Amino acid sequence: MSDTSTHLGLPYLMAAQAQKHVTHNEALRLLDAMVQLAVLDRTRTAPPASPAEGDRHLVAAGATGLWAGWDLNVAFRIDGAWLRLVPRPGWRVWVVDEGVLLVYDGSSWSGATPSALQDLTRLGLGATADSANPFLAQINAALWTALGTAAGGTGHLVQSLNKQASGHDLGFLFQTGFSTRALMGLFGTDQFRLAVSPDGSTFLDALRADPASGILEQPRLPRFKAYTNYDNYIDVDSWTTIGINVTDSNDQGDFDAANNRFVAPVDGTYLFGATLMFKMNASTAARMSGRLLINGSTVLRGSQGENSGTHRSEATAIWLQGMAPLEAGDTVELQGHFRAHDGYVAADHTSFWGVKLG
């Protein structure tokens, strides 16, 4: 019968042994050193100059002096001397100065974190995962980086998200206080969608992409087309706002037909255009002009023009176009002018349109 235990080499009390307390205390001392094993470090090849009682170190390769031949063993300071603990496969040690857990495989110490985790039902990082969120990470930053060719990878990084069928949802939710403020993905169809929400329940589509054609739509883009449904009389030498009082389209409702003007909903760059159709009052020699006016006072540069030839009633027209940076609340209106003689701009053929570009 051996006088030491099989795995930890603890001394046994033997029959008729004298001073049994010595053997018992030796076994307790070894247990105290090996159970819940933690070492101060794993980089030393020689003992520190002033060790404290109970200190433990994982001896680095190339050990010298009192630790010579103790490579990868545990040095334990007890009763003013160093005791060697020879590890066996499966031993685990916590390295205090690095905050890492190591395991001994019979020839070397390596990280105790497994290289592969398979068939997990839940994983929580910094928080507790549950059935609703089987993967949960409570962190401040995350990084996905491609495995380079030098490490055996391709250098590419592609992340795939898959849903069972077209009618299901697939995408990302962006939240404030767990209330969704934006979503991006394929929701209920295979049409790509980017939508925003002011309250987490009402969603406004900012972008939609048709999967069949690739055409990108901005359904909430401010845009309008409007016209006048009556002949607008304009006196000679008098710039007059045209009564653009009927809308063909008015996305976002930013054209104010009651006041014959467009009101910018947000800051941005806008493109405007207009058509003014001449209608004679008394003379075809009237000279018709048109312009786009910002905030009732500033002419949109490049938008003013005149037709100075002899007019044919309901056949002569001016086309205006201009681009302008506007601030929210700025207004744009269409004005007409006659010199030499008065006249009309014709109903149904005089129109005004605009769209936000960016």
Protein backbone atom coordinates (compact mmCIF):
# COMPACT_ATOMS: atom_id res chain seq x y z
CA MET A 1 0.00 0.00 0.00
CA SER A 2 1.33 3.43 -0.97
CA ASP A 3 1.96 5.94 1.78
CA THR A 4 0.67 8.86 -0.34
CA SER A 5 -2.58 9.56 -2.12
CA THR A 6 -2.85 8.84 -5.85
CA HIS A 7 -3.64 12.30 -7.28
CA LEU A 8 -2.35 14.95 -4.86
CA GLY A 9 0.42 12.93 -3.19
CA LEU A 10 -0.90 13.62 0.29
CA PRO A 11 0.81 11.58 3.04
CA TYR A 12 -1.30 8.90 4.72
CA LEU A 13 -1.37 8.16 8.41
CA MET A 14 0.14 4.69 8.80
CA ALA A 15 -0.68 2.00 11.39
CA ALA A 16 1.24 2.33 14.64
CA GLN A 17 2.86 5.52 13.34
CA ALA A 18 4.41 7.80 15.93
CA GLN A 19 3.73 11.57 15.87
CA LYS A 20 0.72 11.23 13.57
CA HIS A 21 0.04 14.93 13.90
CA VAL A 22 3.14 15.67 11.79
CA THR A 23 1.86 13.64 8.86
CA HIS A 24 -1.64 15.06 9.25
CA ASN A 25 -0.39 18.64 9.30
CA GLU A 26 1.79 17.98 6.22
CA ALA A 27 -1.28 16.80 4.33
CA LEU A 28 -3.21 19.90 5.42
CA ARG A 29 -0.35 22.13 4.31
CA LEU A 30 -0.33 20.56 0.86
CA LEU A 31 -4.10 20.90 0.58
CA ASP A 32 -3.83 24.55 1.61
CA ALA A 33 -1.34 25.10 -1.21
CA MET A 34 -3.14 23.18 -3.97
CA VAL A 35 -6.88 23.59 -3.40
CA GLN A 36 -8.38 26.73 -5.05
CA LEU A 37 -4.92 27.31 -6.48
CA ALA A 38 -3.96 30.93 -7.21
CA VAL A 39 -0.44 32.19 -7.99
CA LEU A 40 0.88 35.73 -7.91
CA ASP A 41 2.45 35.52 -11.38
CA ARG A 42 3.94 33.16 -14.00
CA THR A 43 6.95 35.08 -15.33
CA ARG A 44 9.61 34.48 -12.68
CA THR A 45 12.56 32.12 -13.23
CA ALA A 46 14.05 32.73 -9.74
CA PRO A 47 12.58 33.39 -6.28
CA PRO A 48 11.73 37.00 -5.32
CA ALA A 49 14.06 38.74 -2.90
CA SER A 50 11.56 39.14 -0.08
CA PRO A 51 8.83 36.51 -0.32
CA ALA A 52 5.94 36.42 2.10
CA GLU A 53 4.77 33.31 3.88
CA GLY A 54 2.18 31.53 1.72
CA ASP A 55 3.24 33.13 -1.58
CA ARG A 56 2.81 30.96 -4.66
CA HIS A 57 4.33 31.43 -8.10
CA LEU A 58 4.00 29.48 -11.34
CA VAL A 59 7.68 29.02 -12.29
CA ALA A 60 8.56 30.13 -15.82
CA ALA A 61 10.68 28.07 -18.21
CA GLY A 62 14.45 28.36 -17.67
CA ALA A 63 14.29 28.46 -13.88
CA THR A 64 17.55 29.01 -11.93
CA GLY A 65 18.86 29.01 -8.40
CA LEU A 66 16.59 27.48 -5.78
CA TRP A 67 13.99 26.93 -8.51
CA ALA A 68 16.28 25.21 -10.99
CA GLY A 69 14.46 22.27 -12.58
CA TRP A 70 11.08 23.55 -11.41
CA ASP A 71 9.94 24.81 -14.84
CA LEU A 72 6.11 25.06 -15.02
CA ASN A 73 5.82 23.84 -11.42
CA VAL A 74 4.26 25.79 -8.54
CA ALA A 75 6.65 27.24 -5.97
CA PHE A 76 5.02 27.53 -2.54
CA ARG A 77 6.62 29.54 0.28
CA ILE A 78 6.05 27.78 3.62
CA ASP A 79 7.94 27.80 6.93
CA GLY A 80 10.63 30.06 5.44
CA ALA A 81 11.44 27.68 2.57
CA TRP A 82 10.23 26.92 -0.96
CA LEU A 83 8.13 23.81 -1.53
CA ARG A 84 7.76 22.42 -5.03
CA LEU A 85 4.29 21.38 -6.22
CA VAL A 86 4.39 19.29 -9.39
CA PRO A 87 1.18 19.80 -11.41
CA ARG A 88 -0.81 16.97 -12.90
CA PRO A 89 -3.10 17.08 -15.97
CA GLY A 90 -6.30 18.94 -15.20
CA TRP A 91 -4.89 21.28 -12.57
CA ARG A 92 -6.25 24.81 -12.82
CA VAL A 93 -4.57 27.94 -11.55
CA TRP A 94 -5.66 31.57 -11.32
CA VAL A 95 -2.86 34.02 -12.20
CA VAL A 96 -3.56 37.06 -10.04
CA ASP A 97 -1.51 39.75 -11.81
CA GLU A 98 -3.03 38.89 -15.22
CA GLY A 99 -6.53 37.91 -14.15
CA VAL A 100 -6.50 34.72 -16.24
CA LEU A 101 -7.34 31.10 -15.55
CA LEU A 102 -4.94 28.42 -16.83
CA VAL A 103 -5.20 24.65 -17.12
CA TYR A 104 -2.35 22.12 -17.23
CA ASP A 105 -2.51 19.48 -19.99
CA GLY A 106 0.47 17.43 -18.86
CA SER A 107 3.13 19.44 -20.67
CA SER A 108 2.09 23.10 -20.64
CA TRP A 109 -0.25 25.64 -19.13
CA SER A 110 -2.82 27.22 -21.43
CA GLY A 111 -5.92 29.39 -21.19
CA ALA A 112 -8.89 27.63 -19.63
CA THR A 113 -11.38 29.28 -22.02
CA PRO A 114 -12.51 26.61 -24.52
CA SER A 115 -11.75 27.20 -28.20
CA ALA A 116 -15.19 25.97 -29.28
CA LEU A 117 -18.67 26.28 -27.78
CA GLN A 118 -21.34 24.21 -29.47
CA ASP A 119 -25.13 23.87 -29.19
CA LEU A 120 -25.56 26.51 -26.48
CA THR A 121 -29.16 27.46 -25.77
CA ARG A 122 -28.28 30.79 -24.13
CA LEU A 123 -25.27 33.08 -23.90
CA GLY A 124 -25.12 36.21 -21.76
CA LEU A 125 -22.21 38.62 -21.92
CA GLY A 126 -22.27 41.11 -19.08
CA ALA A 127 -25.92 40.25 -18.36
CA THR A 128 -28.25 37.28 -18.07
CA ALA A 129 -29.74 35.92 -21.29
CA ASP A 130 -33.34 34.69 -21.24
CA SER A 131 -35.79 32.90 -23.53
CA ALA A 132 -36.76 36.15 -25.28
CA ASN A 133 -33.12 37.12 -25.82
CA PRO A 134 -31.06 33.91 -25.84
CA PHE A 135 -28.01 35.92 -26.86
CA LEU A 136 -27.51 39.07 -24.79
CA ALA A 137 -24.48 41.36 -24.60
CA GLN A 138 -24.35 44.33 -22.25
CA ILE A 139 -21.20 46.09 -23.43
CA ASN A 140 -19.95 49.51 -24.55
CA ALA A 141 -18.20 48.52 -27.78
CA ALA A 142 -17.97 45.59 -30.17
CA LEU A 143 -15.66 44.84 -33.08
CA TRP A 144 -15.91 42.36 -35.92
CA THR A 145 -12.73 42.13 -37.96
CA ALA A 146 -11.78 39.90 -40.87
CA LEU A 147 -9.38 37.00 -40.41
CA GLY A 148 -6.40 38.03 -42.54
CA THR A 149 -4.65 35.84 -45.07
CA ALA A 150 -1.53 35.69 -42.87
CA ALA A 151 -3.62 33.97 -40.19
CA GLY A 152 -5.15 31.51 -42.64
CA GLY A 153 -8.25 33.55 -43.44
CA THR A 154 -9.48 35.22 -46.61
CA GLY A 155 -9.32 38.85 -45.49
CA HIS A 156 -13.07 39.17 -46.13
CA LEU A 157 -15.84 39.60 -43.58
CA VAL A 158 -19.44 38.91 -44.58
CA GLN A 159 -22.28 38.74 -42.06
CA SER A 160 -25.47 37.01 -43.19
CA LEU A 161 -28.94 37.36 -41.71
CA ASN A 162 -31.62 34.93 -42.87
CA LYS A 163 -35.38 34.66 -42.37
CA GLN A 164 -37.62 31.69 -43.04
CA ALA A 165 -39.96 33.29 -45.58
CA SER A 166 -40.75 36.62 -47.24
CA GLY A 167 -43.60 37.39 -44.84
CA HIS A 168 -41.35 37.27 -41.78
CA ASP A 169 -39.25 40.10 -40.36
CA LEU A 170 -35.49 40.45 -40.67
CA GLY A 171 -33.59 43.53 -39.61
CA PHE A 172 -32.15 45.82 -37.00
CA LEU A 173 -33.98 47.94 -34.42
CA PHE A 174 -32.39 51.09 -33.03
CA GLN A 175 -33.81 52.04 -29.65
CA THR A 176 -33.76 54.72 -26.97
CA GLY A 177 -34.71 53.41 -23.55
CA PHE A 178 -35.82 50.18 -25.29
CA SER A 179 -38.32 52.13 -27.41
CA THR A 180 -37.63 51.78 -31.14
CA ARG A 181 -36.69 54.98 -32.94
CA ALA A 182 -35.51 53.48 -36.25
CA LEU A 183 -35.59 50.14 -38.04
CA MET A 184 -33.73 48.83 -41.05
CA GLY A 185 -34.22 45.59 -42.94
CA LEU A 186 -36.86 43.38 -44.54
CA PHE A 187 -40.06 43.67 -42.53
CA GLY A 188 -43.00 41.57 -43.72
CA THR A 189 -41.72 41.57 -47.32
CA ASP A 190 -38.47 41.30 -49.28
CA GLN A 191 -38.46 45.05 -49.82
CA PHE A 192 -35.58 46.77 -48.04
CA ARG A 193 -36.89 49.43 -45.71
CA LEU A 194 -35.48 52.18 -43.51
CA ALA A 195 -38.03 53.76 -41.20
CA VAL A 196 -38.00 56.12 -38.23
CA SER A 197 -40.39 56.68 -35.34
CA PRO A 198 -41.02 59.53 -32.90
CA ASP A 199 -42.67 57.30 -30.30
CA GLY A 200 -41.89 53.62 -30.94
CA SER A 201 -45.32 52.85 -32.39
CA THR A 202 -45.79 55.05 -35.47
CA PHE A 203 -43.22 54.41 -38.20
CA LEU A 204 -42.43 56.63 -41.18
CA ASP A 205 -40.58 55.12 -44.14
CA ALA A 206 -37.55 57.21 -45.10
CA LEU A 207 -36.27 54.75 -47.74
CA ARG A 208 -37.68 51.77 -49.62
CA ALA A 209 -35.89 49.70 -52.26
CA ASP A 210 -37.84 47.52 -54.70
CA PRO A 211 -36.16 44.08 -54.89
CA ALA A 212 -37.44 43.46 -58.42
CA SER A 213 -36.17 46.68 -60.01
CA GLY A 214 -33.63 48.09 -57.56
CA ILE A 215 -35.47 51.41 -57.66
CA LEU A 216 -34.98 53.45 -54.51
CA GLU A 217 -37.96 55.39 -53.21
CA GLN A 218 -38.08 58.17 -50.63
CA PRO A 219 -41.78 58.15 -49.73
CA ARG A 220 -41.50 60.98 -47.18
CA LEU A 221 -39.44 63.30 -49.39
CA PRO A 222 -40.95 66.81 -49.44
CA ARG A 223 -42.23 67.37 -53.00
CA PHE A 224 -45.22 68.96 -54.68
CA LYS A 225 -46.78 69.95 -57.98
CA ALA A 226 -49.52 72.56 -58.07
CA TYR A 227 -51.32 74.78 -60.56
CA THR A 228 -53.80 77.63 -60.84
CA ASN A 229 -57.36 76.86 -61.84
CA TYR A 230 -58.23 80.42 -62.85
CA ASP A 231 -56.79 83.12 -65.12
CA ASN A 232 -54.58 85.36 -62.97
CA TYR A 233 -54.76 89.00 -64.02
CA ILE A 234 -51.48 90.92 -63.73
CA ASP A 235 -51.39 94.67 -64.14
CA VAL A 236 -48.59 96.31 -66.05
CA ASP A 237 -45.28 96.73 -64.21
CA SER A 238 -46.54 94.94 -61.09
CA TRP A 239 -44.87 91.77 -59.75
CA THR A 240 -47.77 89.61 -58.62
CA THR A 241 -47.85 86.30 -56.74
CA ILE A 242 -49.60 83.71 -58.88
CA GLY A 243 -52.61 82.05 -57.26
CA ILE A 244 -51.27 78.48 -57.30
CA ASN A 245 -54.27 77.13 -55.47
CA VAL A 246 -54.70 73.46 -56.52
CA THR A 247 -52.24 70.61 -55.88
CA ASP A 248 -51.70 67.61 -58.15
CA SER A 249 -49.47 66.12 -55.47
CA ASN A 250 -48.26 67.39 -52.13
CA ASP A 251 -46.16 64.85 -50.25
CA GLN A 252 -45.71 65.94 -46.63
CA GLY A 253 -48.29 68.71 -47.23
CA ASP A 254 -45.62 71.41 -47.40
CA PHE A 255 -47.21 73.37 -50.23
CA ASP A 256 -49.62 75.88 -48.71
CA ALA A 257 -52.31 76.27 -51.40
CA ALA A 258 -54.26 78.76 -49.28
CA ASN A 259 -51.31 81.15 -49.43
CA ASN A 260 -49.89 80.05 -52.81
CA ARG A 261 -46.45 79.12 -51.52
CA PHE A 262 -44.15 76.28 -50.48
CA VAL A 263 -42.92 76.17 -46.88
CA ALA A 264 -39.67 74.26 -46.25
CA PRO A 265 -40.22 71.65 -43.49
CA VAL A 266 -36.51 71.14 -42.76
CA ASP A 267 -33.13 72.61 -43.68
CA GLY A 268 -31.80 71.36 -46.99
CA THR A 269 -31.30 71.92 -50.71
CA TYR A 270 -34.43 72.18 -52.84
CA LEU A 271 -35.10 72.26 -56.58
CA PHE A 272 -38.02 74.29 -57.96
CA GLY A 273 -39.55 74.83 -61.36
CA ALA A 274 -42.52 76.62 -62.90
CA THR A 275 -44.40 77.16 -66.13
CA LEU A 276 -46.23 80.45 -66.85
CA MET A 277 -48.64 80.47 -69.80
CA PHE A 278 -49.49 83.83 -71.41
CA LYS A 279 -53.08 84.84 -71.97
CA MET A 280 -53.77 88.10 -73.79
CA ASN A 281 -55.84 90.91 -72.31
CA ALA A 282 -55.61 93.65 -74.98
CA SER A 283 -52.27 93.26 -76.74
CA THR A 284 -49.88 90.52 -77.76
CA ALA A 285 -47.09 93.05 -77.26
CA ALA A 286 -47.19 92.55 -73.51
CA ARG A 287 -43.83 91.33 -72.20
CA MET A 288 -44.30 88.48 -69.73
CA SER A 289 -41.73 87.76 -66.97
CA GLY A 290 -41.60 85.29 -64.14
CA ARG A 291 -39.52 84.57 -61.06
CA LEU A 292 -39.33 82.49 -57.90
CA LEU A 293 -39.21 84.49 -54.68
CA ILE A 294 -37.80 83.33 -51.32
CA ASN A 295 -39.43 84.65 -48.14
CA GLY A 296 -41.32 87.28 -50.11
CA SER A 297 -38.20 89.35 -50.82
CA THR A 298 -35.24 87.47 -52.32
CA VAL A 299 -35.24 86.35 -55.93
CA LEU A 300 -33.96 82.79 -56.30
CA ARG A 301 -30.87 83.44 -58.39
CA GLY A 302 -31.21 82.11 -61.94
CA SER A 303 -34.97 81.68 -61.74
CA GLN A 304 -36.06 84.96 -63.33
CA GLY A 305 -36.82 85.11 -67.06
CA GLU A 306 -38.81 87.05 -69.69
CA ASN A 307 -40.34 86.30 -73.06
CA SER A 308 -39.91 89.49 -75.08
CA GLY A 309 -41.27 88.33 -78.41
CA THR A 310 -44.75 88.81 -79.75
CA HIS A 311 -47.05 86.56 -77.77
CA ARG A 312 -49.64 84.13 -78.96
CA SER A 313 -52.36 83.90 -76.38
CA GLU A 314 -52.45 80.49 -74.61
CA ALA A 315 -49.42 79.35 -76.64
CA THR A 316 -46.52 81.39 -75.26
CA ALA A 317 -44.91 80.13 -72.07
CA ILE A 318 -41.93 80.71 -69.81
CA TRP A 319 -40.19 77.85 -68.00
CA LEU A 320 -38.30 78.66 -64.82
CA GLN A 321 -36.04 76.48 -62.71
CA GLY A 322 -33.70 77.03 -59.79
CA MET A 323 -32.03 75.31 -56.85
CA ALA A 324 -31.77 76.86 -53.40
CA PRO A 325 -30.52 76.04 -49.90
CA LEU A 326 -33.38 76.71 -47.50
CA GLU A 327 -33.85 76.69 -43.77
CA ALA A 328 -36.91 75.23 -42.11
CA GLY A 329 -39.77 77.72 -42.42
CA ASP A 330 -38.45 79.49 -45.52
CA THR A 331 -41.09 80.11 -48.19
CA VAL A 332 -40.96 80.06 -52.00
CA GLU A 333 -43.64 81.50 -54.28
CA LEU A 334 -44.13 82.03 -58.00
CA GLN A 335 -44.58 85.57 -59.32
CA GLY A 336 -45.51 86.99 -62.71
CA HIS A 337 -44.99 90.39 -64.31
CA PHE A 338 -46.01 92.22 -67.50
CA ARG A 339 -44.42 95.30 -68.99
CA ALA A 340 -45.73 97.44 -71.82
CA HIS A 341 -49.22 95.96 -71.44
CA ASP A 342 -51.16 94.00 -68.87
CA GLY A 343 -52.26 90.40 -69.32
CA TYR A 344 -53.10 87.08 -67.72
CA VAL A 345 -51.34 83.85 -66.85
CA ALA A 346 -53.61 81.08 -67.98
CA ALA A 347 -55.63 78.72 -65.81
CA ASP A 348 -54.70 75.02 -65.82
CA HIS A 349 -51.48 75.64 -67.82
CA THR A 350 -49.60 77.65 -65.20
CA SER A 351 -47.91 75.40 -62.63
CA PHE A 352 -45.32 75.34 -59.88
CA TRP A 353 -43.36 72.35 -58.55
CA GLY A 354 -40.56 71.53 -56.14
CA VAL A 355 -38.66 68.72 -54.45
CA LYS A 356 -36.05 68.38 -51.70
CA LEU A 357 -32.72 67.12 -53.06
CA GLY A 358 -30.70 66.64 -49.92
